[in-house]
């Protein structure tokens, strides 16, 4: 799954904002019936690599991905694993897109 959100702020400022708000990005799944736990995150330049665990009822699956900050966009690439079979990708994209837009304001 890929989500791209445009921004017009300095790249370094956006990287700092993503770093500060990453926990909030996945903290509450909002309308998604899933609980997310952050396992790992690390930065290499302006790209963050992350790993989460998603729990939905008795099902638990890893989610891995990256958040890349370019001069004009924040791009989230995530492999939803098994969760992708239970949650509509468009719903997940809209959820993440609105969260990213929220902390870029």
C-alpha atoms as a PDB file:
ATOM      1  CA  UNK A   1       0.000   0.000   0.000  1.00  0.00           C
ATOM      2  CA  UNK A   2       1.289   3.445  -0.887  1.00  0.00           C
ATOM      3  CA  UNK A   3       0.127   6.839   0.356  1.00  0.00           C
ATOM      4  CA  UNK A   4       1.608  10.104  -0.899  1.00  0.00           C
ATOM      5  CA  UNK A   5       0.831  13.471   0.714  1.00  0.00           C
ATOM      6  CA  UNK A   6       2.154  16.748  -0.712  1.00  0.00           C
ATOM      7  CA  UNK A   7       3.707  19.398   1.513  1.00  0.00           C
ATOM      8  CA  UNK A   8       5.203  22.861   1.054  1.00  0.00           C
ATOM      9  CA  UNK A   9       7.441  23.012   4.117  1.00  0.00           C
ATOM     10  CA  UNK A  10      11.220  22.606   4.372  1.00  0.00           C
ATOM     11  CA  UNK A  11      12.218  18.943   4.110  1.00  0.00           C
ATOM     12  CA  UNK A  12      14.054  18.864   7.465  1.00  0.00           C
ATOM     13  CA  UNK A  13      11.038  20.371   9.229  1.00  0.00           C
ATOM     14  CA  UNK A  14       8.798  17.664   7.757  1.00  0.00           C
ATOM     15  CA  UNK A  15      11.264  14.923   8.801  1.00  0.00           C
ATOM     16  CA  UNK A  16      11.159  16.270  12.373  1.00  0.00           C
ATOM     17  CA  UNK A  17       7.366  16.430  12.285  1.00  0.00           C
ATOM     18  CA  UNK A  18       7.098  12.845  11.032  1.00  0.00           C
ATOM     19  CA  UNK A  19       9.499  11.694  13.747  1.00  0.00           C
ATOM     20  CA  UNK A  20       7.575  13.544  16.500  1.00  0.00           C
ATOM     21  CA  UNK A  21       4.159  12.368  15.338  1.00  0.00           C
ATOM     22  CA  UNK A  22       4.899   8.831  14.144  1.00  0.00           C
ATOM     23  CA  UNK A  23       3.450   7.247  17.289  1.00  0.00           C
ATOM     24  CA  UNK A  24       0.248   9.261  16.778  1.00  0.00           C
ATOM     25  CA  UNK A  25       0.085   8.203  13.145  1.00  0.00           C
ATOM     26  CA  UNK A  26      -0.470   4.603  14.185  1.00  0.00           C
ATOM     27  CA  UNK A  27      -1.563   5.036  17.817  1.00  0.00           C
ATOM     28  CA  UNK A  28      -5.289   4.742  17.302  1.00  0.00           C
ATOM     29  CA  UNK A  29      -6.570   3.007  14.257  1.00  0.00           C
ATOM     30  CA  UNK A  30      -9.669   5.206  14.205  1.00  0.00           C
ATOM     31  CA  UNK A  31     -12.354   3.502  12.149  1.00  0.00           C
ATOM     32  CA  UNK A  32     -10.121   0.498  11.476  1.00  0.00           C
ATOM     33  CA  UNK A  33     -10.923  -2.510  13.732  1.00  0.00           C
ATOM     34  CA  UNK A  34      -7.272  -3.135  14.583  1.00  0.00           C
ATOM     35  CA  UNK A  35      -4.768  -2.432  17.363  1.00  0.00           C
ATOM     36  CA  UNK A  36      -1.285  -1.399  16.206  1.00  0.00           C
ATOM     37  CA  UNK A  37       1.909  -1.727  18.252  1.00  0.00           C
ATOM     38  CA  UNK A  38       5.152  -0.094  17.114  1.00  0.00           C
ATOM     39  CA  UNK A  39       8.027  -2.584  17.224  1.00  0.00           C
ATOM     40  CA  UNK A  40      10.814  -0.639  15.519  1.00  0.00           C
ATOM     41  CA  UNK A  41      11.595   2.577  13.686  1.00  0.00           C
ATOM     42  CA  UNK A  42      14.868   4.049  12.448  1.00  0.00           C
ATOM     43  CA  UNK A  43      15.975   6.848  10.144  1.00  0.00           C
ATOM     44  CA  UNK A  44      18.491   6.696   7.320  1.00  0.00           C
ATOM     45  CA  UNK A  45      18.687  10.210   5.920  1.00  0.00           C
ATOM     46  CA  UNK A  46      15.134  11.296   5.133  1.00  0.00           C
ATOM     47  CA  UNK A  47      13.703   7.761   5.035  1.00  0.00           C
ATOM     48  CA  UNK A  48      12.288   6.021   8.088  1.00  0.00           C
ATOM     49  CA  UNK A  49      11.995   2.244   8.203  1.00  0.00           C
ATOM     50  CA  UNK A  50       9.369   0.865  10.568  1.00  0.00           C
ATOM     51  CA  UNK A  51       7.874  -2.383  11.803  1.00  0.00           C
ATOM     52  CA  UNK A  52       4.519  -2.746  13.548  1.00  0.00           C
ATOM     53  CA  UNK A  53       2.359  -5.549  14.829  1.00  0.00           C
ATOM     54  CA  UNK A  54      -1.321  -5.379  13.932  1.00  0.00           C
ATOM     55  CA  UNK A  55      -3.838  -7.271  16.026  1.00  0.00           C
ATOM     56  CA  UNK A  56      -7.388  -7.823  14.897  1.00  0.00           C
ATOM     57  CA  UNK A  57      -9.266 -10.159  17.210  1.00  0.00           C
ATOM     58  CA  UNK A  58      -7.141 -13.296  17.560  1.00  0.00           C
ATOM     59  CA  UNK A  59      -5.140 -12.539  14.410  1.00  0.00           C
ATOM     60  CA  UNK A  60      -1.736 -10.884  14.671  1.00  0.00           C
ATOM     61  CA  UNK A  61       0.384  -9.904  11.680  1.00  0.00           C
ATOM     62  CA  UNK A  62       3.520  -7.841  11.070  1.00  0.00           C
ATOM     63  CA  UNK A  63       3.406  -4.624   9.051  1.00  0.00           C
ATOM     64  CA  UNK A  64       6.650  -3.302   7.612  1.00  0.00           C
ATOM     65  CA  UNK A  65       7.355  -0.241   5.586  1.00  0.00           C
ATOM     66  CA  UNK A  66       9.007   3.094   5.024  1.00  0.00           C
ATOM     67  CA  UNK A  67       8.164   6.768   5.283  1.00  0.00           C
ATOM     68  CA  UNK A  68      10.143   8.827   2.774  1.00  0.00           C
ATOM     69  CA  UNK A  69      10.228  12.608   2.970  1.00  0.00           C
ATOM     70  CA  UNK A  70      11.075  14.321  -0.312  1.00  0.00           C
ATOM     71  CA  UNK A  71      11.210  18.031  -1.066  1.00  0.00           C
ATOM     72  CA  UNK A  72       7.500  17.980  -1.952  1.00  0.00           C
ATOM     73  CA  UNK A  73       5.918  14.762  -0.615  1.00  0.00           C
ATOM     74  CA  UNK A  74       5.660  12.382   2.319  1.00  0.00           C
ATOM     75  CA  UNK A  75       5.412   8.864   0.908  1.00  0.00           C
ATOM     76  CA  UNK A  76       4.317   5.980   3.122  1.00  0.00           C
ATOM     77  CA  UNK A  77       4.903   2.497   1.710  1.00  0.00           C
ATOM     78  CA  UNK A  78       3.573  -0.311   3.873  1.00  0.00           C
ATOM     79  CA  UNK A  79       3.139  -4.043   3.464  1.00  0.00           C
ATOM     80  CA  UNK A  80      -0.039  -4.805   5.416  1.00  0.00           C
ATOM     81  CA  UNK A  81       0.661  -8.522   5.450  1.00  0.00           C
ATOM     82  CA  UNK A  82      -2.364 -10.651   6.261  1.00  0.00           C
ATOM     83  CA  UNK A  83      -4.211  -7.555   7.467  1.00  0.00           C
ATOM     84  CA  UNK A  84      -4.596  -6.525   3.828  1.00  0.00           C
ATOM     85  CA  UNK A  85      -7.075  -9.388   3.394  1.00  0.00           C
ATOM     86  CA  UNK A  86      -9.377  -8.028   6.100  1.00  0.00           C
ATOM     87  CA  UNK A  87      -9.138  -4.269   5.654  1.00  0.00           C
ATOM     88  CA  UNK A  88      -9.958  -2.475   2.434  1.00  0.00           C
ATOM     89  CA  UNK A  89      -6.775  -0.884   1.052  1.00  0.00           C
ATOM     90  CA  UNK A  90      -8.583   2.333   0.103  1.00  0.00           C
ATOM     91  CA  UNK A  91      -9.847   2.689   3.694  1.00  0.00           C
ATOM     92  CA  UNK A  92      -6.312   2.212   5.027  1.00  0.00           C
ATOM     93  CA  UNK A  93      -4.931   4.728   2.499  1.00  0.00           C
ATOM     94  CA  UNK A  94      -7.541   7.325   3.432  1.00  0.00           C
ATOM     95  CA  UNK A  95      -6.879   6.780   7.143  1.00  0.00           C
ATOM     96  CA  UNK A  96      -3.093   7.196   6.794  1.00  0.00           C
ATOM     97  CA  UNK A  97      -3.415  10.074   4.341  1.00  0.00           C
ATOM     98  CA  UNK A  98      -5.642  12.065   6.685  1.00  0.00           C
ATOM     99  CA  UNK A  99      -3.297  11.389   9.636  1.00  0.00           C
ATOM    100  CA  UNK A 100      -0.245  12.559   7.683  1.00  0.00           C
ATOM    101  CA  UNK A 101      -2.073  15.696   6.478  1.00  0.00           C
ATOM    102  CA  UNK A 102      -3.079  16.409  10.061  1.00  0.00           C
ATOM    103  CA  UNK A 103       0.429  16.629  11.417  1.00  0.00           C
ATOM    104  CA  UNK A 104       1.780  18.531   8.406  1.00  0.00           C
ATOM    105  CA  UNK A 105      -0.443  21.532   9.168  1.00  0.00           C
END
